PDB file of all heavy atoms in Angstrom:
ATOM      1  N   PRO A   1       2.188   6.718  11.532  1.00  0.00           N
ATOM      2  CA  PRO A   1       1.239   5.712  12.021  1.00  0.00           C
ATOM      3  C   PRO A   1       0.630   4.856  10.909  1.00  0.00           C
ATOM      4  O   PRO A   1       0.406   3.657  11.093  1.00  0.00           O
ATOM      5  CB  PRO A   1       0.163   6.539  12.728  1.00  0.00           C
ATOM      6  CG  PRO A   1       0.828   7.817  13.087  1.00  0.00           C
ATOM      7  CD  PRO A   1       1.832   8.069  11.995  1.00  0.00           C
ATOM      8  N   VAL A   2       0.376   5.442   9.759  1.00  0.00           N
ATOM      9  CA  VAL A   2      -0.210   4.685   8.641  1.00  0.00           C
ATOM     10  C   VAL A   2       0.762   3.594   8.191  1.00  0.00           C
ATOM     11  O   VAL A   2       0.386   2.438   8.004  1.00  0.00           O
ATOM     12  CB  VAL A   2      -0.551   5.630   7.462  1.00  0.00           C
ATOM     13  CG1 VAL A   2      -0.991   4.839   6.243  1.00  0.00           C
ATOM     14  CG2 VAL A   2      -1.612   6.622   7.872  1.00  0.00           C
ATOM     15  N   TRP A   3       2.036   3.969   8.030  1.00  0.00           N
ATOM     16  CA  TRP A   3       3.044   3.003   7.567  1.00  0.00           C
ATOM     17  C   TRP A   3       3.351   1.971   8.641  1.00  0.00           C
ATOM     18  O   TRP A   3       3.541   0.787   8.333  1.00  0.00           O
ATOM     19  CB  TRP A   3       4.300   3.738   7.120  1.00  0.00           C
ATOM     20  CG  TRP A   3       4.099   4.397   5.808  1.00  0.00           C
ATOM     21  CD1 TRP A   3       3.761   5.708   5.586  1.00  0.00           C
ATOM     22  CD2 TRP A   3       4.168   3.793   4.523  1.00  0.00           C
ATOM     23  NE1 TRP A   3       3.632   5.941   4.249  1.00  0.00           N
ATOM     24  CE2 TRP A   3       3.883   4.788   3.567  1.00  0.00           C
ATOM     25  CE3 TRP A   3       4.451   2.507   4.090  1.00  0.00           C
ATOM     26  CZ2 TRP A   3       3.872   4.520   2.200  1.00  0.00           C
ATOM     27  CZ3 TRP A   3       4.445   2.244   2.727  1.00  0.00           C
ATOM     28  CH2 TRP A   3       4.152   3.243   1.803  1.00  0.00           C
ATOM     29  N   ALA A   4       3.409   2.380   9.903  1.00  0.00           N
ATOM     30  CA  ALA A   4       3.690   1.438  10.982  1.00  0.00           C
ATOM     31  C   ALA A   4       2.568   0.407  11.117  1.00  0.00           C
ATOM     32  O   ALA A   4       2.830  -0.792  11.288  1.00  0.00           O
ATOM     33  CB  ALA A   4       3.895   2.188  12.294  1.00  0.00           C
ATOM     34  N   GLU A   5       1.329   0.869  11.007  1.00  0.00           N
ATOM     35  CA  GLU A   5       0.200  -0.061  11.077  1.00  0.00           C
ATOM     36  C   GLU A   5       0.213  -1.017   9.882  1.00  0.00           C
ATOM     37  O   GLU A   5      -0.062  -2.202  10.030  1.00  0.00           O
ATOM     38  CB  GLU A   5      -1.124   0.699  11.127  1.00  0.00           C
ATOM     39  CG  GLU A   5      -2.327  -0.219  11.235  1.00  0.00           C
ATOM     40  CD  GLU A   5      -3.648   0.519  11.287  1.00  0.00           C
ATOM     41  OE1 GLU A   5      -3.656   1.757  11.388  1.00  0.00           O
ATOM     42  OE2 GLU A   5      -4.683  -0.163  11.199  1.00  0.00           O
ATOM     43  N   HIS A   6       0.540  -0.501   8.720  1.00  0.00           N
ATOM     44  CA  HIS A   6       0.617  -1.354   7.534  1.00  0.00           C
ATOM     45  C   HIS A   6       1.685  -2.436   7.731  1.00  0.00           C
ATOM     46  O   HIS A   6       1.455  -3.608   7.416  1.00  0.00           O
ATOM     47  CB  HIS A   6       0.917  -0.513   6.297  1.00  0.00           C
ATOM     48  CG  HIS A   6       1.046  -1.308   5.047  1.00  0.00           C
ATOM     49  ND1 HIS A   6       0.006  -2.034   4.515  1.00  0.00           N
ATOM     50  CD2 HIS A   6       2.108  -1.514   4.225  1.00  0.00           C
ATOM     51  CE1 HIS A   6       0.418  -2.645   3.408  1.00  0.00           C
ATOM     52  NE2 HIS A   6       1.691  -2.348   3.232  1.00  0.00           N
ATOM     53  N   ALA A   7       2.834  -2.060   8.257  1.00  0.00           N
ATOM     54  CA  ALA A   7       3.902  -3.032   8.504  1.00  0.00           C
ATOM     55  C   ALA A   7       3.443  -4.083   9.508  1.00  0.00           C
ATOM     56  O   ALA A   7       3.674  -5.285   9.316  1.00  0.00           O
ATOM     57  CB  ALA A   7       5.159  -2.325   8.999  1.00  0.00           C
ATOM     58  N   GLU A   8       2.775  -3.645  10.561  1.00  0.00           N
ATOM     59  CA  GLU A   8       2.307  -4.573  11.593  1.00  0.00           C
ATOM     60  C   GLU A   8       1.295  -5.574  11.033  1.00  0.00           C
ATOM     61  O   GLU A   8       1.388  -6.774  11.287  1.00  0.00           O
ATOM     62  CB  GLU A   8       1.677  -3.772  12.739  1.00  0.00           C
ATOM     63  CG  GLU A   8       1.243  -4.609  13.916  1.00  0.00           C
ATOM     64  CD  GLU A   8       0.654  -3.757  15.022  1.00  0.00           C
ATOM     65  OE1 GLU A   8       1.218  -2.689  15.319  1.00  0.00           O
ATOM     66  OE2 GLU A   8      -0.385  -4.164  15.583  1.00  0.00           O
ATOM     67  N   ARG A   9       0.352  -5.077  10.255  1.00  0.00           N
ATOM     68  CA  ARG A   9      -0.658  -5.977   9.667  1.00  0.00           C
ATOM     69  C   ARG A   9      -0.032  -6.943   8.656  1.00  0.00           C
ATOM     70  O   ARG A   9      -0.396  -8.115   8.602  1.00  0.00           O
ATOM     71  CB  ARG A   9      -1.761  -5.171   8.999  1.00  0.00           C
ATOM     72  CG  ARG A   9      -2.665  -4.507   9.990  1.00  0.00           C
ATOM     73  CD  ARG A   9      -3.804  -3.797   9.323  1.00  0.00           C
ATOM     74  NE  ARG A   9      -4.643  -3.163  10.326  1.00  0.00           N
ATOM     75  CZ  ARG A   9      -5.733  -2.518  10.051  1.00  0.00           C
ATOM     76  NH1 ARG A   9      -6.136  -2.407   8.806  1.00  0.00           N
ATOM     77  NH2 ARG A   9      -6.443  -1.963  11.017  1.00  0.00           N
ATOM     78  N   THR A  10       0.907  -6.437   7.881  1.00  0.00           N
ATOM     79  CA  THR A  10       1.560  -7.297   6.895  1.00  0.00           C
ATOM     80  C   THR A  10       2.370  -8.379   7.593  1.00  0.00           C
ATOM     81  O   THR A  10       2.379  -9.539   7.166  1.00  0.00           O
ATOM     82  CB  THR A  10       2.460  -6.463   5.956  1.00  0.00           C
ATOM     83  OG1 THR A  10       1.660  -5.440   5.356  1.00  0.00           O
ATOM     84  CG2 THR A  10       3.068  -7.317   4.873  1.00  0.00           C
ATOM     85  N   GLU A  11       3.033  -8.019   8.684  1.00  0.00           N
ATOM     86  CA  GLU A  11       3.794  -9.006   9.449  1.00  0.00           C
ATOM     87  C   GLU A  11       2.866 -10.096   9.989  1.00  0.00           C
ATOM     88  O   GLU A  11       3.204 -11.283   9.971  1.00  0.00           O
ATOM     89  CB  GLU A  11       4.531  -8.317  10.591  1.00  0.00           C
ATOM     90  CG  GLU A  11       5.404  -9.252  11.402  1.00  0.00           C
ATOM     91  CD  GLU A  11       6.138  -8.539  12.506  1.00  0.00           C
ATOM     92  OE1 GLU A  11       5.609  -7.554  13.062  1.00  0.00           O
ATOM     93  OE2 GLU A  11       7.252  -8.972  12.825  1.00  0.00           O
ATOM     94  N   THR A  12       1.682  -9.699  10.438  1.00  0.00           N
ATOM     95  CA  THR A  12       0.700 -10.666  10.929  1.00  0.00           C
ATOM     96  C   THR A  12       0.295 -11.631   9.813  1.00  0.00           C
ATOM     97  O   THR A  12       0.262 -12.847  10.015  1.00  0.00           O
ATOM     98  CB  THR A  12      -0.553  -9.949  11.477  1.00  0.00           C
ATOM     99  OG1 THR A  12      -0.148  -9.108  12.564  1.00  0.00           O
ATOM    100  CG2 THR A  12      -1.603 -10.933  11.946  1.00  0.00           C
ATOM    101  N   PHE A  13       0.001 -11.091   8.630  1.00  0.00           N
ATOM    102  CA  PHE A  13      -0.360 -11.951   7.498  1.00  0.00           C
ATOM    103  C   PHE A  13       0.777 -12.894   7.133  1.00  0.00           C
ATOM    104  O   PHE A  13       0.554 -14.070   6.845  1.00  0.00           O
ATOM    105  CB  PHE A  13      -0.751 -11.119   6.274  1.00  0.00           C
ATOM    106  CG  PHE A  13      -2.086 -10.448   6.401  1.00  0.00           C
ATOM    107  CD1 PHE A  13      -2.229  -9.114   6.070  1.00  0.00           C
ATOM    108  CD2 PHE A  13      -3.203 -11.140   6.830  1.00  0.00           C
ATOM    109  CE1 PHE A  13      -3.459  -8.480   6.182  1.00  0.00           C
ATOM    110  CE2 PHE A  13      -4.439 -10.522   6.938  1.00  0.00           C
ATOM    111  CZ  PHE A  13      -4.567  -9.186   6.617  1.00  0.00           C
ATOM    112  N   LEU A  14       1.994 -12.392   7.147  1.00  0.00           N
ATOM    113  CA  LEU A  14       3.148 -13.241   6.840  1.00  0.00           C
ATOM    114  C   LEU A  14       3.245 -14.414   7.812  1.00  0.00           C
ATOM    115  O   LEU A  14       3.552 -15.544   7.413  1.00  0.00           O
ATOM    116  CB  LEU A  14       4.447 -12.428   6.885  1.00  0.00           C
ATOM    117  CG  LEU A  14       4.771 -11.619   5.651  1.00  0.00           C
ATOM    118  CD1 LEU A  14       5.897 -10.633   5.938  1.00  0.00           C
ATOM    119  CD2 LEU A  14       5.155 -12.527   4.493  1.00  0.00           C
ATOM    120  N   GLY A  15       2.985 -14.152   9.073  1.00  0.00           N
ATOM    121  CA  GLY A  15       3.053 -15.196  10.091  1.00  0.00           C
ATOM    122  C   GLY A  15       1.971 -16.247   9.950  1.00  0.00           C
ATOM    123  O   GLY A  15       2.119 -17.362  10.447  1.00  0.00           O
ATOM    124  N   GLN A  16       0.887 -15.903   9.268  1.00  0.00           N
ATOM    125  CA  GLN A  16      -0.225 -16.835   9.118  1.00  0.00           C
ATOM    126  C   GLN A  16      -0.193 -17.620   7.811  1.00  0.00           C
ATOM    127  O   GLN A  16      -0.989 -18.534   7.626  1.00  0.00           O
ATOM    128  CB  GLN A  16      -1.544 -16.075   9.227  1.00  0.00           C
ATOM    129  CG  GLN A  16      -1.763 -15.478  10.602  1.00  0.00           C
ATOM    130  CD  GLN A  16      -3.015 -14.623  10.667  1.00  0.00           C
ATOM    131  OE1 GLN A  16      -3.658 -14.357   9.668  1.00  0.00           O
ATOM    132  NE2 GLN A  16      -3.359 -14.178  11.859  1.00  0.00           N
ATOM    133  N   LEU A  17       0.715 -17.273   6.911  1.00  0.00           N
ATOM    134  CA  LEU A  17       0.776 -17.970   5.625  1.00  0.00           C
ATOM    135  C   LEU A  17       1.388 -19.358   5.782  1.00  0.00           C
ATOM    136  O   LEU A  17       2.379 -19.529   6.494  1.00  0.00           O
ATOM    137  CB  LEU A  17       1.616 -17.184   4.620  1.00  0.00           C
ATOM    138  CG  LEU A  17       0.965 -15.976   3.990  1.00  0.00           C
ATOM    139  CD1 LEU A  17       1.968 -15.283   3.074  1.00  0.00           C
ATOM    140  CD2 LEU A  17      -0.267 -16.355   3.208  1.00  0.00           C
ATOM    141  N   GLY A  18       0.810 -20.303   5.082  1.00  0.00           N
ATOM    142  CA  GLY A  18       1.369 -21.648   5.076  1.00  0.00           C
ATOM    143  C   GLY A  18       2.607 -21.719   4.199  1.00  0.00           C
ATOM    144  O   GLY A  18       2.881 -20.814   3.404  1.00  0.00           O
ATOM    145  N   THR A  19       3.340 -22.791   4.313  1.00  0.00           N
ATOM    146  CA  THR A  19       4.595 -22.940   3.569  1.00  0.00           C
ATOM    147  C   THR A  19       4.383 -23.059   2.065  1.00  0.00           C
ATOM    148  O   THR A  19       5.308 -22.803   1.301  1.00  0.00           O
ATOM    149  CB  THR A  19       5.367 -24.170   4.068  1.00  0.00           C
ATOM    150  OG1 THR A  19       4.519 -25.327   3.953  1.00  0.00           O
ATOM    151  CG2 THR A  19       5.811 -24.003   5.509  1.00  0.00           C
ATOM    152  N   THR A  20       3.202 -23.442   1.641  1.00  0.00           N
ATOM    153  CA  THR A  20       2.952 -23.593   0.203  1.00  0.00           C
ATOM    154  C   THR A  20       2.628 -22.275  -0.483  1.00  0.00           C
ATOM    155  O   THR A  20       2.560 -22.210  -1.705  1.00  0.00           O
ATOM    156  CB  THR A  20       1.783 -24.572  -0.037  1.00  0.00           C
ATOM    157  OG1 THR A  20       0.618 -24.052   0.590  1.00  0.00           O
ATOM    158  CG2 THR A  20       2.112 -25.947   0.515  1.00  0.00           C
ATOM    159  N   ARG A  21       2.451 -21.210   0.258  1.00  0.00           N
ATOM    160  CA  ARG A  21       2.064 -19.903  -0.302  1.00  0.00           C
ATOM    161  C   ARG A  21       3.292 -19.060  -0.616  1.00  0.00           C
ATOM    162  O   ARG A  21       3.420 -17.924  -0.196  1.00  0.00           O
ATOM    163  CB  ARG A  21       1.146 -19.163   0.681  1.00  0.00           C
ATOM    164  CG  ARG A  21      -0.060 -19.943   1.164  1.00  0.00           C
ATOM    165  CD  ARG A  21      -1.134 -20.122   0.105  1.00  0.00           C
ATOM    166  NE  ARG A  21      -1.600 -18.904  -0.451  1.00  0.00           N
ATOM    167  CZ  ARG A  21      -2.666 -18.219  -0.056  1.00  0.00           C
ATOM    168  NH1 ARG A  21      -3.392 -18.660   0.942  1.00  0.00           N
ATOM    169  NH2 ARG A  21      -3.009 -17.121  -0.663  1.00  0.00           N
ATOM    170  N   LYS A  22       4.220 -19.597  -1.389  1.00  0.00           N
ATOM    171  CA  LYS A  22       5.505 -18.947  -1.655  1.00  0.00           C
ATOM    172  C   LYS A  22       5.363 -17.640  -2.432  1.00  0.00           C
ATOM    173  O   LYS A  22       6.023 -16.653  -2.131  1.00  0.00           O
ATOM    174  CB  LYS A  22       6.443 -19.898  -2.380  1.00  0.00           C
ATOM    175  CG  LYS A  22       6.862 -21.057  -1.514  1.00  0.00           C
ATOM    176  CD  LYS A  22       7.751 -22.028  -2.260  1.00  0.00           C
ATOM    177  CE  LYS A  22       8.069 -23.194  -1.339  1.00  0.00           C
ATOM    178  NZ  LYS A  22       8.851 -24.207  -1.989  1.00  0.00           N
ATOM    179  N   THR A  23       4.519 -17.622  -3.442  1.00  0.00           N
ATOM    180  CA  THR A  23       4.340 -16.411  -4.248  1.00  0.00           C
ATOM    181  C   THR A  23       3.759 -15.289  -3.397  1.00  0.00           C
ATOM    182  O   THR A  23       4.249 -14.156  -3.437  1.00  0.00           O
ATOM    183  CB  THR A  23       3.426 -16.689  -5.459  1.00  0.00           C
ATOM    184  OG1 THR A  23       3.998 -17.731  -6.231  1.00  0.00           O
ATOM    185  CG2 THR A  23       3.247 -15.448  -6.308  1.00  0.00           C
ATOM    186  N   GLU A  24       2.742 -15.616  -2.619  1.00  0.00           N
ATOM    187  CA  GLU A  24       2.129 -14.619  -1.751  1.00  0.00           C
ATOM    188  C   GLU A  24       3.118 -14.152  -0.682  1.00  0.00           C
ATOM    189  O   GLU A  24       3.183 -12.973  -0.351  1.00  0.00           O
ATOM    190  CB  GLU A  24       0.862 -15.181  -1.096  1.00  0.00           C
ATOM    191  CG  GLU A  24       0.083 -14.185  -0.290  1.00  0.00           C
ATOM    192  CD  GLU A  24      -0.523 -13.065  -1.120  1.00  0.00           C
ATOM    193  OE1 GLU A  24      -0.543 -13.137  -2.354  1.00  0.00           O
ATOM    194  OE2 GLU A  24      -0.992 -12.092  -0.513  1.00  0.00           O
ATOM    195  N   ARG A  25       3.900 -15.065  -0.142  1.00  0.00           N
ATOM    196  CA  ARG A  25       4.894 -14.708   0.868  1.00  0.00           C
ATOM    197  C   ARG A  25       5.929 -13.735   0.288  1.00  0.00           C
ATOM    198  O   ARG A  25       6.288 -12.747   0.927  1.00  0.00           O
ATOM    199  CB  ARG A  25       5.595 -15.954   1.407  1.00  0.00           C
ATOM    200  CG  ARG A  25       6.674 -15.628   2.449  1.00  0.00           C
ATOM    201  CD  ARG A  25       7.233 -16.869   3.106  1.00  0.00           C
ATOM    202  NE  ARG A  25       6.233 -17.644   3.806  1.00  0.00           N
ATOM    203  CZ  ARG A  25       5.713 -17.338   4.993  1.00  0.00           C
ATOM    204  NH1 ARG A  25       6.110 -16.240   5.598  1.00  0.00           N
ATOM    205  NH2 ARG A  25       4.818 -18.107   5.555  1.00  0.00           N
ATOM    206  N   THR A  26       6.372 -13.998  -0.919  1.00  0.00           N
ATOM    207  CA  THR A  26       7.357 -13.127  -1.557  1.00  0.00           C
ATOM    208  C   THR A  26       6.790 -11.729  -1.751  1.00  0.00           C
ATOM    209  O   THR A  26       7.446 -10.730  -1.453  1.00  0.00           O
ATOM    210  CB  THR A  26       7.792 -13.712  -2.920  1.00  0.00           C
ATOM    211  OG1 THR A  26       8.361 -15.004  -2.696  1.00  0.00           O
ATOM    212  CG2 THR A  26       8.802 -12.830  -3.614  1.00  0.00           C
ATOM    213  N   ARG A  27       5.556 -11.642  -2.224  1.00  0.00           N
ATOM    214  CA  ARG A  27       4.921 -10.340  -2.432  1.00  0.00           C
ATOM    215  C   ARG A  27       4.725  -9.598  -1.121  1.00  0.00           C
ATOM    216  O   ARG A  27       5.048  -8.417  -1.000  1.00  0.00           O
ATOM    217  CB  ARG A  27       3.569 -10.523  -3.132  1.00  0.00           C
ATOM    218  CG  ARG A  27       2.909  -9.195  -3.523  1.00  0.00           C
ATOM    219  CD  ARG A  27       1.488  -9.386  -3.999  1.00  0.00           C
ATOM    220  NE  ARG A  27       0.582  -9.819  -2.963  1.00  0.00           N
ATOM    221  CZ  ARG A  27       0.106  -9.030  -1.994  1.00  0.00           C
ATOM    222  NH1 ARG A  27       0.461  -7.774  -1.921  1.00  0.00           N
ATOM    223  NH2 ARG A  27      -0.737  -9.496  -1.097  1.00  0.00           N
ATOM    224  N   LEU A  28       4.221 -10.299  -0.113  1.00  0.00           N
ATOM    225  CA  LEU A  28       3.995  -9.661   1.176  1.00  0.00           C
ATOM    226  C   LEU A  28       5.303  -9.266   1.863  1.00  0.00           C
ATOM    227  O   LEU A  28       5.371  -8.227   2.514  1.00  0.00           O
ATOM    228  CB  LEU A  28       3.188 -10.582   2.098  1.00  0.00           C
ATOM    229  CG  LEU A  28       1.698 -10.645   1.839  1.00  0.00           C
ATOM    230  CD1 LEU A  28       1.048 -11.707   2.726  1.00  0.00           C
ATOM    231  CD2 LEU A  28       1.046  -9.298   2.079  1.00  0.00           C
ATOM    232  N   GLN A  29       6.338 -10.071   1.702  1.00  0.00           N
ATOM    233  CA  GLN A  29       7.621  -9.737   2.311  1.00  0.00           C
ATOM    234  C   GLN A  29       8.178  -8.449   1.712  1.00  0.00           C
ATOM    235  O   GLN A  29       8.691  -7.589   2.430  1.00  0.00           O
ATOM    236  CB  GLN A  29       8.627 -10.883   2.131  1.00  0.00           C
ATOM    237  CG  GLN A  29       9.947 -10.653   2.846  1.00  0.00           C
ATOM    238  CD  GLN A  29       9.793 -10.601   4.358  1.00  0.00           C
ATOM    239  OE1 GLN A  29       9.195 -11.491   4.948  1.00  0.00           O
ATOM    240  NE2 GLN A  29      10.316  -9.557   4.984  1.00  0.00           N
ATOM    241  N   ALA A  30       8.049  -8.298   0.400  1.00  0.00           N
ATOM    242  CA  ALA A  30       8.508  -7.069  -0.255  1.00  0.00           C
ATOM    243  C   ALA A  30       7.701  -5.867   0.246  1.00  0.00           C
ATOM    244  O   ALA A  30       8.258  -4.791   0.497  1.00  0.00           O
ATOM    245  CB  ALA A  30       8.399  -7.196  -1.770  1.00  0.00           C
ATOM    246  N   ASP A  31       6.407  -6.043   0.403  1.00  0.00           N
ATOM    247  CA  ASP A  31       5.547  -4.972   0.903  1.00  0.00           C
ATOM    248  C   ASP A  31       5.906  -4.623   2.341  1.00  0.00           C
ATOM    249  O   ASP A  31       5.979  -3.442   2.713  1.00  0.00           O
ATOM    250  CB  ASP A  31       4.085  -5.413   0.795  1.00  0.00           C
ATOM    251  CG  ASP A  31       3.114  -4.261   0.867  1.00  0.00           C
ATOM    252  OD1 ASP A  31       3.425  -3.173   0.345  1.00  0.00           O
ATOM    253  OD2 ASP A  31       2.028  -4.450   1.453  1.00  0.00           O
ATOM    254  N   TYR A  32       6.152  -5.631   3.161  1.00  0.00           N
ATOM    255  CA  TYR A  32       6.549  -5.435   4.553  1.00  0.00           C
ATOM    256  C   TYR A  32       7.887  -4.694   4.634  1.00  0.00           C
ATOM    257  O   TYR A  32       8.031  -3.724   5.379  1.00  0.00           O
ATOM    258  CB  TYR A  32       6.639  -6.789   5.245  1.00  0.00           C
ATOM    259  CG  TYR A  32       7.138  -6.739   6.659  1.00  0.00           C
ATOM    260  CD1 TYR A  32       6.377  -6.173   7.673  1.00  0.00           C
ATOM    261  CD2 TYR A  32       8.373  -7.279   6.988  1.00  0.00           C
ATOM    262  CE1 TYR A  32       6.835  -6.130   8.982  1.00  0.00           C
ATOM    263  CE2 TYR A  32       8.842  -7.247   8.289  1.00  0.00           C
ATOM    264  CZ  TYR A  32       8.066  -6.672   9.278  1.00  0.00           C
ATOM    265  OH  TYR A  32       8.531  -6.631  10.569  1.00  0.00           O
ATOM    266  N   ASP A  33       8.848  -5.125   3.843  1.00  0.00           N
ATOM    267  CA  ASP A  33      10.167  -4.478   3.828  1.00  0.00           C
ATOM    268  C   ASP A  33      10.057  -3.013   3.416  1.00  0.00           C
ATOM    269  O   ASP A  33      10.725  -2.148   3.979  1.00  0.00           O
ATOM    270  CB  ASP A  33      11.124  -5.221   2.890  1.00  0.00           C
ATOM    271  CG  ASP A  33      11.472  -6.612   3.388  1.00  0.00           C
ATOM    272  OD1 ASP A  33      11.248  -6.916   4.578  1.00  0.00           O
ATOM    273  OD2 ASP A  33      11.958  -7.427   2.558  1.00  0.00           O
ATOM    274  N   ARG A  34       9.216  -2.740   2.430  1.00  0.00           N
ATOM    275  CA  ARG A  34       9.011  -1.366   1.968  1.00  0.00           C
ATOM    276  C   ARG A  34       8.411  -0.509   3.079  1.00  0.00           C
ATOM    277  O   ARG A  34       8.850   0.611   3.329  1.00  0.00           O
ATOM    278  CB  ARG A  34       8.115  -1.359   0.736  1.00  0.00           C
ATOM    279  CG  ARG A  34       7.833   0.033   0.200  1.00  0.00           C
ATOM    280  CD  ARG A  34       6.958  -0.016  -0.997  1.00  0.00           C
ATOM    281  NE  ARG A  34       5.665  -0.594  -0.637  1.00  0.00           N
ATOM    282  CZ  ARG A  34       4.626  -0.642  -1.428  1.00  0.00           C
ATOM    283  NH1 ARG A  34       4.712  -0.177  -2.648  1.00  0.00           N
ATOM    284  NH2 ARG A  34       3.494  -1.158  -1.032  1.00  0.00           N
ATOM    285  N   ALA A  35       7.413  -1.029   3.779  1.00  0.00           N
ATOM    286  CA  ALA A  35       6.783  -0.271   4.870  1.00  0.00           C
ATOM    287  C   ALA A  35       7.795   0.011   5.983  1.00  0.00           C
ATOM    288  O   ALA A  35       7.844   1.126   6.516  1.00  0.00           O
ATOM    289  CB  ALA A  35       5.570  -1.027   5.417  1.00  0.00           C
ATOM    290  N   LEU A  36       8.609  -0.981   6.326  1.00  0.00           N
ATOM    291  CA  LEU A  36       9.632  -0.765   7.349  1.00  0.00           C
ATOM    292  C   LEU A  36      10.651   0.276   6.904  1.00  0.00           C
ATOM    293  O   LEU A  36      11.115   1.086   7.714  1.00  0.00           O
ATOM    294  CB  LEU A  36      10.349  -2.076   7.677  1.00  0.00           C
ATOM    295  CG  LEU A  36       9.559  -3.118   8.453  1.00  0.00           C
ATOM    296  CD1 LEU A  36      10.437  -4.348   8.709  1.00  0.00           C
ATOM    297  CD2 LEU A  36       9.031  -2.556   9.770  1.00  0.00           C
ATOM    298  N   ARG A  37      10.987   0.272   5.625  1.00  0.00           N
ATOM    299  CA  ARG A  37      11.938   1.259   5.099  1.00  0.00           C
ATOM    300  C   ARG A  37      11.370   2.676   5.221  1.00  0.00           C
ATOM    301  O   ARG A  37      12.071   3.600   5.633  1.00  0.00           O
ATOM    302  CB  ARG A  37      12.284   0.947   3.640  1.00  0.00           C
ATOM    303  CG  ARG A  37      13.278   1.932   3.036  1.00  0.00           C
ATOM    304  CD  ARG A  37      13.724   1.517   1.638  1.00  0.00           C
ATOM    305  NE  ARG A  37      12.657   1.189   0.727  1.00  0.00           N
ATOM    306  CZ  ARG A  37      11.977   2.076   0.002  1.00  0.00           C
ATOM    307  NH1 ARG A  37      12.242   3.361   0.102  1.00  0.00           N
ATOM    308  NH2 ARG A  37      11.028   1.681  -0.813  1.00  0.00           N
ATOM    309  N   VAL A  38      10.101   2.849   4.878  1.00  0.00           N
ATOM    310  CA  VAL A  38       9.483   4.173   4.983  1.00  0.00           C
ATOM    311  C   VAL A  38       9.450   4.627   6.441  1.00  0.00           C
ATOM    312  O   VAL A  38       9.794   5.775   6.748  1.00  0.00           O
ATOM    313  CB  VAL A  38       8.069   4.185   4.360  1.00  0.00           C
ATOM    314  CG1 VAL A  38       7.352   5.489   4.660  1.00  0.00           C
ATOM    315  CG2 VAL A  38       8.152   3.955   2.854  1.00  0.00           C
ATOM    316  N   VAL A  39       9.078   3.737   7.366  1.00  0.00           N
ATOM    317  CA  VAL A  39       9.057   4.091   8.794  1.00  0.00           C
ATOM    318  C   VAL A  39      10.463   4.483   9.247  1.00  0.00           C
ATOM    319  O   VAL A  39      10.644   5.487   9.943  1.00  0.00           O
ATOM    320  CB  VAL A  39       8.504   2.930   9.646  1.00  0.00           C
ATOM    321  CG1 VAL A  39       8.734   3.175  11.131  1.00  0.00           C
ATOM    322  CG2 VAL A  39       7.021   2.725   9.370  1.00  0.00           C
ATOM    323  N   ALA A  40      11.467   3.718   8.842  1.00  0.00           N
ATOM    324  CA  ALA A  40      12.850   4.027   9.225  1.00  0.00           C
ATOM    325  C   ALA A  40      13.293   5.379   8.665  1.00  0.00           C
ATOM    326  O   ALA A  40      13.985   6.147   9.354  1.00  0.00           O
ATOM    327  CB  ALA A  40      13.782   2.915   8.751  1.00  0.00           C
ATOM    328  N   GLU A  41      12.892   5.684   7.430  1.00  0.00           N
ATOM    329  CA  GLU A  41      13.254   6.977   6.834  1.00  0.00           C
ATOM    330  C   GLU A  41      12.579   8.134   7.569  1.00  0.00           C
ATOM    331  O   GLU A  41      13.196   9.172   7.804  1.00  0.00           O
ATOM    332  CB  GLU A  41      12.894   6.996   5.354  1.00  0.00           C
ATOM    333  CG  GLU A  41      13.788   6.094   4.518  1.00  0.00           C
ATOM    334  CD  GLU A  41      13.316   5.938   3.075  1.00  0.00           C
ATOM    335  OE1 GLU A  41      12.290   6.541   2.696  1.00  0.00           O
ATOM    336  OE2 GLU A  41      13.982   5.204   2.328  1.00  0.00           O
TER     337      GLU A  41
END
């Protein structure tokens, strides 16, 4: 549940980022991918 909630919140933040926030998007995408990987494992 901790990892699933983290993935869900990160996905929400990703959806709210503007197109100019490339650095933040890259960091959040990596964090989101990591959370999904842990949930899948």
